[in-house]
């Protein structure tokens, strides 16, 4: 799941894998349609390292990682996960 922070717009796509490469491709598809964001806020999962980090650096996207065990940082995403799944 990917969510736009300001208006809570969601992109829900089934992903056969949550590898860094698969997540990177998912994000590239979103960026191609909706434009490249200035900042990408993620949790500290390993899927946001490797290919995603390289892609963000090449596109000029500032990556920010939320603090571990700090629900205020990614609270909207957590609520939407509970709602959608």
PDB file of N, CA and C in Angstrom:
ATOM      1  N   UNK A   1       0.839  -1.165   0.000  1.00  0.00           N
ATOM      2  CA  UNK A   1       0.000   0.000   0.000  1.00  0.00           C
ATOM      3  C   UNK A   1       0.886   1.229   0.000  1.00  0.00           C
ATOM      4  N   UNK A   2       0.504   2.188  -0.810  1.00  0.00           N
ATOM      5  CA  UNK A   2       1.183   3.476  -0.850  1.00  0.00           C
ATOM      6  C   UNK A   2       0.114   4.534  -0.624  1.00  0.00           C
ATOM      7  N   UNK A   3       0.433   5.542   0.205  1.00  0.00           N
ATOM      8  CA  UNK A   3      -0.564   6.551   0.523  1.00  0.00           C
ATOM      9  C   UNK A   3       0.031   7.943   0.387  1.00  0.00           C
ATOM     10  N   UNK A   4      -0.729   8.839  -0.241  1.00  0.00           N
ATOM     11  CA  UNK A   4      -0.355  10.239  -0.322  1.00  0.00           C
ATOM     12  C   UNK A   4      -0.693  10.883   1.014  1.00  0.00           C
ATOM     13  N   UNK A   5       0.270  11.502   1.649  1.00  0.00           N
ATOM     14  CA  UNK A   5       0.138  11.997   3.016  1.00  0.00           C
ATOM     15  C   UNK A   5      -0.967  13.040   3.176  1.00  0.00           C
ATOM     16  N   UNK A   6      -1.060  13.990   2.265  1.00  0.00           N
ATOM     17  CA  UNK A   6      -1.948  15.133   2.475  1.00  0.00           C
ATOM     18  C   UNK A   6      -3.432  14.828   2.315  1.00  0.00           C
ATOM     19  N   UNK A   7      -3.798  13.995   1.348  1.00  0.00           N
ATOM     20  CA  UNK A   7      -5.226  13.742   1.151  1.00  0.00           C
ATOM     21  C   UNK A   7      -5.615  12.275   1.355  1.00  0.00           C
ATOM     22  N   UNK A   8      -4.667  11.452   1.790  1.00  0.00           N
ATOM     23  CA  UNK A   8      -4.881  10.032   2.093  1.00  0.00           C
ATOM     24  C   UNK A   8      -5.294   9.205   0.876  1.00  0.00           C
ATOM     25  N   UNK A   9      -4.900   9.642  -0.307  1.00  0.00           N
ATOM     26  CA  UNK A   9      -5.164   8.867  -1.519  1.00  0.00           C
ATOM     27  C   UNK A   9      -4.345   7.587  -1.455  1.00  0.00           C
ATOM     28  N   UNK A  10      -4.969   6.458  -1.750  1.00  0.00           N
ATOM     29  CA  UNK A  10      -4.302   5.151  -1.637  1.00  0.00           C
ATOM     30  C   UNK A  10      -4.059   4.513  -2.991  1.00  0.00           C
ATOM     31  N   UNK A  11      -2.933   3.823  -3.090  1.00  0.00           N
ATOM     32  CA  UNK A  11      -2.668   2.928  -4.201  1.00  0.00           C
ATOM     33  C   UNK A  11      -2.554   1.542  -3.591  1.00  0.00           C
ATOM     34  N   UNK A  12      -3.503   0.683  -3.925  1.00  0.00           N
ATOM     35  CA  UNK A  12      -3.474  -0.689  -3.433  1.00  0.00           C
ATOM     36  C   UNK A  12      -3.208  -1.615  -4.605  1.00  0.00           C
ATOM     37  N   UNK A  13      -2.111  -2.305  -4.542  1.00  0.00           N
ATOM     38  CA  UNK A  13      -1.762  -3.250  -5.604  1.00  0.00           C
ATOM     39  C   UNK A  13      -1.239  -4.535  -4.974  1.00  0.00           C
ATOM     40  N   UNK A  14      -1.701  -5.666  -5.483  1.00  0.00           N
ATOM     41  CA  UNK A  14      -1.141  -6.924  -4.965  1.00  0.00           C
ATOM     42  C   UNK A  14       0.309  -7.046  -5.400  1.00  0.00           C
ATOM     43  N   UNK A  15       1.150  -7.459  -4.494  1.00  0.00           N
ATOM     44  CA  UNK A  15       2.565  -7.625  -4.808  1.00  0.00           C
ATOM     45  C   UNK A  15       2.972  -9.054  -4.480  1.00  0.00           C
ATOM     46  N   UNK A  16       3.517  -9.762  -5.459  1.00  0.00           N
ATOM     47  CA  UNK A  16       3.907 -11.143  -5.212  1.00  0.00           C
ATOM     48  C   UNK A  16       5.088 -11.252  -4.254  1.00  0.00           C
ATOM     49  N   UNK A  17       5.811 -10.160  -4.108  1.00  0.00           N
ATOM     50  CA  UNK A  17       7.001 -10.158  -3.257  1.00  0.00           C
ATOM     51  C   UNK A  17       7.166  -8.755  -2.685  1.00  0.00           C
ATOM     52  N   UNK A  18       7.748  -8.654  -1.493  1.00  0.00           N
ATOM     53  CA  UNK A  18       8.057  -7.338  -0.953  1.00  0.00           C
ATOM     54  C   UNK A  18       9.566  -7.109  -0.961  1.00  0.00           C
ATOM     55  N   UNK A  19      10.212  -7.672  -1.967  1.00  0.00           N
ATOM     56  CA  UNK A  19      11.646  -7.430  -2.109  1.00  0.00           C
ATOM     57  C   UNK A  19      11.859  -5.968  -2.490  1.00  0.00           C
ATOM     58  N   UNK A  20      13.044  -5.491  -2.278  1.00  0.00           N
ATOM     59  CA  UNK A  20      13.374  -4.109  -2.605  1.00  0.00           C
ATOM     60  C   UNK A  20      13.156  -3.829  -4.092  1.00  0.00           C
ATOM     61  N   UNK A  21      13.469  -4.788  -4.941  1.00  0.00           N
ATOM     62  CA  UNK A  21      13.290  -4.625  -6.387  1.00  0.00           C
ATOM     63  C   UNK A  21      11.813  -4.505  -6.752  1.00  0.00           C
ATOM     64  N   UNK A  22      10.969  -5.348  -6.149  1.00  0.00           N
ATOM     65  CA  UNK A  22       9.530  -5.308  -6.434  1.00  0.00           C
ATOM     66  C   UNK A  22       8.911  -3.997  -5.945  1.00  0.00           C
ATOM     67  N   UNK A  23       9.304  -3.554  -4.769  1.00  0.00           N
ATOM     68  CA  UNK A  23       8.784  -2.294  -4.232  1.00  0.00           C
ATOM     69  C   UNK A  23       9.245  -1.129  -5.096  1.00  0.00           C
ATOM     70  N   UNK A  24      10.479  -1.180  -5.549  1.00  0.00           N
ATOM     71  CA  UNK A  24      11.014  -0.135  -6.422  1.00  0.00           C
ATOM     72  C   UNK A  24      10.203  -0.036  -7.715  1.00  0.00           C
ATOM     73  N   UNK A  25       9.878  -1.163  -8.320  1.00  0.00           N
ATOM     74  CA  UNK A  25       9.061  -1.170  -9.541  1.00  0.00           C
ATOM     75  C   UNK A  25       7.662  -0.614  -9.273  1.00  0.00           C
ATOM     76  N   UNK A  26       7.072  -0.992  -8.151  1.00  0.00           N
ATOM     77  CA  UNK A  26       5.753  -0.493  -7.761  1.00  0.00           C
ATOM     78  C   UNK A  26       5.779   1.038  -7.647  1.00  0.00           C
ATOM     79  N   UNK A  27       6.792   1.556  -6.972  1.00  0.00           N
ATOM     80  CA  UNK A  27       6.904   3.006  -6.803  1.00  0.00           C
ATOM     81  C   UNK A  27       7.174   3.708  -8.130  1.00  0.00           C
ATOM     82  N   UNK A  28       8.002   3.112  -8.983  1.00  0.00           N
ATOM     83  CA  UNK A  28       8.275   3.708 -10.304  1.00  0.00           C
ATOM     84  C   UNK A  28       6.986   3.857 -11.099  1.00  0.00           C
ATOM     85  N   UNK A  29       6.122   2.833 -11.060  1.00  0.00           N
ATOM     86  CA  UNK A  29       4.835   2.891 -11.767  1.00  0.00           C
ATOM     87  C   UNK A  29       3.978   4.044 -11.254  1.00  0.00           C
ATOM     88  N   UNK A  30       3.945   4.225  -9.953  1.00  0.00           N
ATOM     89  CA  UNK A  30       3.173   5.329  -9.369  1.00  0.00           C
ATOM     90  C   UNK A  30       3.784   6.670  -9.777  1.00  0.00           C
ATOM     91  N   UNK A  31       5.101   6.780  -9.721  1.00  0.00           N
ATOM     92  CA  UNK A  31       5.779   8.034 -10.061  1.00  0.00           C
ATOM     93  C   UNK A  31       5.571   8.399 -11.529  1.00  0.00           C
ATOM     94  N   UNK A  32       5.540   7.396 -12.411  1.00  0.00           N
ATOM     95  CA  UNK A  32       5.327   7.666 -13.841  1.00  0.00           C
ATOM     96  C   UNK A  32       3.958   8.279 -14.102  1.00  0.00           C
ATOM     97  N   UNK A  33       2.962   7.836 -13.361  1.00  0.00           N
ATOM     98  CA  UNK A  33       1.592   8.320 -13.572  1.00  0.00           C
ATOM     99  C   UNK A  33       1.336   9.634 -12.835  1.00  0.00           C
ATOM    100  N   UNK A  34       1.813   9.730 -11.600  1.00  0.00           N
ATOM    101  CA  UNK A  34       1.443  10.851 -10.735  1.00  0.00           C
ATOM    102  C   UNK A  34       2.576  11.832 -10.462  1.00  0.00           C
ATOM    103  N   UNK A  35       3.755  11.571 -10.967  1.00  0.00           N
ATOM    104  CA  UNK A  35       4.887  12.464 -10.738  1.00  0.00           C
ATOM    105  C   UNK A  35       5.749  12.012  -9.574  1.00  0.00           C
ATOM    106  N   UNK A  36       6.961  12.508  -9.569  1.00  0.00           N
ATOM    107  CA  UNK A  36       7.941  12.133  -8.549  1.00  0.00           C
ATOM    108  C   UNK A  36       7.768  13.047  -7.332  1.00  0.00           C
ATOM    109  N   UNK A  37       7.652  12.463  -6.140  1.00  0.00           N
ATOM    110  CA  UNK A  37       7.486  13.291  -4.945  1.00  0.00           C
ATOM    111  C   UNK A  37       8.817  13.897  -4.496  1.00  0.00           C
ATOM    112  N   UNK A  38       8.730  14.889  -3.648  1.00  0.00           N
ATOM    113  CA  UNK A  38       9.945  15.456  -3.062  1.00  0.00           C
ATOM    114  C   UNK A  38      10.483  14.542  -1.971  1.00  0.00           C
ATOM    115  N   UNK A  39       9.575  13.941  -1.196  1.00  0.00           N
ATOM    116  CA  UNK A  39       9.956  13.134  -0.033  1.00  0.00           C
ATOM    117  C   UNK A  39       9.167  11.835  -0.014  1.00  0.00           C
ATOM    118  N   UNK A  40       9.832  10.756   0.399  1.00  0.00           N
ATOM    119  CA  UNK A  40       9.190   9.455   0.581  1.00  0.00           C
ATOM    120  C   UNK A  40       9.398   9.047   2.033  1.00  0.00           C
ATOM    121  N   UNK A  41       8.310   8.946   2.794  1.00  0.00           N
ATOM    122  CA  UNK A  41       8.380   8.539   4.197  1.00  0.00           C
ATOM    123  C   UNK A  41       8.057   7.060   4.280  1.00  0.00           C
ATOM    124  N   UNK A  42       8.961   6.285   4.853  1.00  0.00           N
ATOM    125  CA  UNK A  42       8.778   4.838   4.962  1.00  0.00           C
ATOM    126  C   UNK A  42       9.023   4.392   6.392  1.00  0.00           C
ATOM    127  N   UNK A  43       8.666   3.136   6.655  1.00  0.00           N
ATOM    128  CA  UNK A  43       9.090   2.559   7.919  1.00  0.00           C
ATOM    129  C   UNK A  43      10.521   2.051   7.723  1.00  0.00           C
ATOM    130  N   UNK A  44      11.031   1.309   8.661  1.00  0.00           N
ATOM    131  CA  UNK A  44      12.418   0.861   8.590  1.00  0.00           C
ATOM    132  C   UNK A  44      12.574  -0.534   8.001  1.00  0.00           C
ATOM    133  N   UNK A  45      11.600  -0.972   7.218  1.00  0.00           N
ATOM    134  CA  UNK A  45      11.650  -2.302   6.616  1.00  0.00           C
ATOM    135  C   UNK A  45      12.787  -2.446   5.611  1.00  0.00           C
ATOM    136  N   UNK A  46      13.273  -3.659   5.480  1.00  0.00           N
ATOM    137  CA  UNK A  46      14.386  -3.917   4.558  1.00  0.00           C
ATOM    138  C   UNK A  46      13.989  -3.724   3.103  1.00  0.00           C
ATOM    139  N   UNK A  47      12.670  -3.759   2.801  1.00  0.00           N
ATOM    140  CA  UNK A  47      12.236  -3.552   1.421  1.00  0.00           C
ATOM    141  C   UNK A  47      12.477  -2.122   0.949  1.00  0.00           C
ATOM    142  N   UNK A  48      12.741  -1.199   1.878  1.00  0.00           N
ATOM    143  CA  UNK A  48      12.993   0.190   1.499  1.00  0.00           C
ATOM    144  C   UNK A  48      14.480   0.519   1.431  1.00  0.00           C
ATOM    145  N   UNK A  49      15.288  -0.494   1.445  1.00  0.00           N
ATOM    146  CA  UNK A  49      16.723  -0.312   1.284  1.00  0.00           C
ATOM    147  C   UNK A  49      17.100  -0.865  -0.090  1.00  0.00           C
ATOM    148  N   UNK A  50      18.306  -0.843  -0.479  1.00  0.00           N
ATOM    149  CA  UNK A  50      18.727  -1.417  -1.752  1.00  0.00           C
ATOM    150  C   UNK A  50      18.171  -0.683  -2.946  1.00  0.00           C
ATOM    151  N   UNK A  51      17.368  -1.372  -3.766  1.00  0.00           N
ATOM    152  CA  UNK A  51      16.873  -0.832  -5.035  1.00  0.00           C
ATOM    153  C   UNK A  51      16.017   0.423  -4.836  1.00  0.00           C
ATOM    154  N   UNK A  52      15.224   0.471  -3.773  1.00  0.00           N
ATOM    155  CA  UNK A  52      14.383   1.644  -3.527  1.00  0.00           C
ATOM    156  C   UNK A  52      15.263   2.853  -3.193  1.00  0.00           C
ATOM    157  N   UNK A  53      16.256   2.636  -2.370  1.00  0.00           N
ATOM    158  CA  UNK A  53      17.169   3.721  -1.993  1.00  0.00           C
ATOM    159  C   UNK A  53      17.917   4.255  -3.211  1.00  0.00           C
ATOM    160  N   UNK A  54      18.387   3.355  -4.070  1.00  0.00           N
ATOM    161  CA  UNK A  54      19.093   3.746  -5.292  1.00  0.00           C
ATOM    162  C   UNK A  54      18.164   4.518  -6.226  1.00  0.00           C
ATOM    163  N   UNK A  55      16.920   4.028  -6.394  1.00  0.00           N
ATOM    164  CA  UNK A  55      15.966   4.701  -7.261  1.00  0.00           C
ATOM    165  C   UNK A  55      15.663   6.105  -6.748  1.00  0.00           C
ATOM    166  N   UNK A  56      15.432   6.241  -5.449  1.00  0.00           N
ATOM    167  CA  UNK A  56      15.123   7.550  -4.883  1.00  0.00           C
ATOM    168  C   UNK A  56      16.299   8.517  -5.063  1.00  0.00           C
ATOM    169  N   UNK A  57      17.484   8.024  -4.864  1.00  0.00           N
ATOM    170  CA  UNK A  57      18.662   8.880  -5.042  1.00  0.00           C
ATOM    171  C   UNK A  57      18.780   9.351  -6.491  1.00  0.00           C
ATOM    172  N   UNK A  58      18.535   8.450  -7.438  1.00  0.00           N
ATOM    173  CA  UNK A  58      18.656   8.812  -8.858  1.00  0.00           C
ATOM    174  C   UNK A  58      17.561   9.790  -9.300  1.00  0.00           C
ATOM    175  N   UNK A  59      16.380   9.733  -8.647  1.00  0.00           N
ATOM    176  CA  UNK A  59      15.277  10.629  -8.992  1.00  0.00           C
ATOM    177  C   UNK A  59      15.260  11.913  -8.163  1.00  0.00           C
ATOM    178  N   UNK A  60      16.151  12.002  -7.197  1.00  0.00           N
ATOM    179  CA  UNK A  60      16.203  13.191  -6.346  1.00  0.00           C
ATOM    180  C   UNK A  60      15.131  13.226  -5.273  1.00  0.00           C
ATOM    181  N   UNK A  61      14.652  12.052  -4.879  1.00  0.00           N
ATOM    182  CA  UNK A  61      13.621  11.951  -3.839  1.00  0.00           C
ATOM    183  C   UNK A  61      14.319  11.818  -2.488  1.00  0.00           C
ATOM    184  N   UNK A  62      13.951  12.666  -1.545  1.00  0.00           N
ATOM    185  CA  UNK A  62      14.518  12.602  -0.199  1.00  0.00           C
ATOM    186  C   UNK A  62      13.800  11.496   0.572  1.00  0.00           C
ATOM    187  N   UNK A  63      14.537  10.479   1.010  1.00  0.00           N
ATOM    188  CA  UNK A  63      13.944   9.379   1.780  1.00  0.00           C
ATOM    189  C   UNK A  63      14.015   9.687   3.262  1.00  0.00           C
ATOM    190  N   UNK A  64      12.885   9.537   3.924  1.00  0.00           N
ATOM    191  CA  UNK A  64      12.834   9.684   5.374  1.00  0.00           C
ATOM    192  C   UNK A  64      12.299   8.389   5.953  1.00  0.00           C
ATOM    193  N   UNK A  65      12.894   7.958   7.051  1.00  0.00           N
ATOM    194  CA  UNK A  65      12.452   6.742   7.729  1.00  0.00           C
ATOM    195  C   UNK A  65      11.809   7.126   9.053  1.00  0.00           C
ATOM    196  N   UNK A  66      10.662   6.521   9.332  1.00  0.00           N
ATOM    197  CA  UNK A  66       9.981   6.771  10.599  1.00  0.00           C
ATOM    198  C   UNK A  66      10.733   6.124  11.747  1.00  0.00           C
ATOM    199  N   UNK A  67      10.517   6.669  12.918  1.00  0.00           N
ATOM    200  CA  UNK A  67      11.154   6.099  14.107  1.00  0.00           C
ATOM    201  C   UNK A  67      10.493   4.768  14.454  1.00  0.00           C
ATOM    202  N   UNK A  68      11.304   3.841  14.894  1.00  0.00           N
ATOM    203  CA  UNK A  68      10.790   2.526  15.291  1.00  0.00           C
ATOM    204  C   UNK A  68       9.870   2.670  16.498  1.00  0.00           C
ATOM    205  N   UNK A  69       8.782   1.928  16.488  1.00  0.00           N
ATOM    206  CA  UNK A  69       7.796   1.912  17.574  1.00  0.00           C
ATOM    207  C   UNK A  69       7.278   3.315  17.907  1.00  0.00           C
ATOM    208  N   UNK A  70       7.022   4.099  16.860  1.00  0.00           N
ATOM    209  CA  UNK A  70       6.501   5.458  17.034  1.00  0.00           C
ATOM    210  C   UNK A  70       5.287   5.619  16.123  1.00  0.00           C
ATOM    211  N   UNK A  71       4.102   5.200  16.591  1.00  0.00           N
ATOM    212  CA  UNK A  71       2.926   5.160  15.721  1.00  0.00           C
ATOM    213  C   UNK A  71       2.487   6.521  15.186  1.00  0.00           C
ATOM    214  N   UNK A  72       2.885   7.610  15.813  1.00  0.00           N
ATOM    215  CA  UNK A  72       2.505   8.925  15.313  1.00  0.00           C
ATOM    216  C   UNK A  72       3.118   9.198  13.952  1.00  0.00           C
ATOM    217  N   UNK A  73       4.260   8.601  13.667  1.00  0.00           N
ATOM    218  CA  UNK A  73       4.942   8.838  12.397  1.00  0.00           C
ATOM    219  C   UNK A  73       4.181   8.229  11.237  1.00  0.00           C
ATOM    220  N   UNK A  74       3.783   6.995  11.356  1.00  0.00           N
ATOM    221  CA  UNK A  74       3.092   6.300  10.270  1.00  0.00           C
ATOM    222  C   UNK A  74       1.682   5.884  10.682  1.00  0.00           C
ATOM    223  N   UNK A  75       1.082   6.646  11.568  1.00  0.00           N
ATOM    224  CA  UNK A  75      -0.247   6.309  12.091  1.00  0.00           C
ATOM    225  C   UNK A  75      -1.325   6.226  11.029  1.00  0.00           C
ATOM    226  N   UNK A  76      -1.305   7.156  10.055  1.00  0.00           N
ATOM    227  CA  UNK A  76      -2.319   7.126   8.997  1.00  0.00           C
ATOM    228  C   UNK A  76      -2.245   5.830   8.207  1.00  0.00           C
ATOM    229  N   UNK A  77      -1.030   5.396   7.898  1.00  0.00           N
ATOM    230  CA  UNK A  77      -0.858   4.159   7.131  1.00  0.00           C
ATOM    231  C   UNK A  77      -1.330   2.967   7.947  1.00  0.00           C
ATOM    232  N   UNK A  78      -1.019   2.950   9.234  1.00  0.00           N
ATOM    233  CA  UNK A  78      -1.450   1.854  10.101  1.00  0.00           C
ATOM    234  C   UNK A  78      -2.982   1.773  10.137  1.00  0.00           C
ATOM    235  N   UNK A  79      -3.632   2.916  10.274  1.00  0.00           N
ATOM    236  CA  UNK A  79      -5.096   2.941  10.305  1.00  0.00           C
ATOM    237  C   UNK A  79      -5.670   2.441   8.980  1.00  0.00           C
ATOM    238  N   UNK A  80      -5.078   2.880   7.855  1.00  0.00           N
ATOM    239  CA  UNK A  80      -5.573   2.446   6.549  1.00  0.00           C
ATOM    240  C   UNK A  80      -5.313   0.953   6.329  1.00  0.00           C
ATOM    241  N   UNK A  81      -4.201   0.433   6.829  1.00  0.00           N
ATOM    242  CA  UNK A  81      -3.949  -1.009   6.743  1.00  0.00           C
ATOM    243  C   UNK A  81      -5.045  -1.775   7.465  1.00  0.00           C
ATOM    244  N   UNK A  82      -5.412  -1.330   8.656  1.00  0.00           N
ATOM    245  CA  UNK A  82      -6.465  -1.994   9.413  1.00  0.00           C
ATOM    246  C   UNK A  82      -7.807  -1.887   8.708  1.00  0.00           C
ATOM    247  N   UNK A  83      -8.065  -0.759   8.058  1.00  0.00           N
ATOM    248  CA  UNK A  83      -9.314  -0.539   7.353  1.00  0.00           C
ATOM    249  C   UNK A  83      -9.417  -1.393   6.089  1.00  0.00           C
ATOM    250  N   UNK A  84      -8.323  -1.470   5.325  1.00  0.00           N
ATOM    251  CA  UNK A  84      -8.356  -2.155   4.028  1.00  0.00           C
ATOM    252  C   UNK A  84      -8.202  -3.667   4.137  1.00  0.00           C
ATOM    253  N   UNK A  85      -7.513  -4.110   5.143  1.00  0.00           N
ATOM    254  CA  UNK A  85      -7.230  -5.538   5.227  1.00  0.00           C
ATOM    255  C   UNK A  85      -7.863  -6.079   6.453  1.00  0.00           C
TER     256      UNK A  85
END
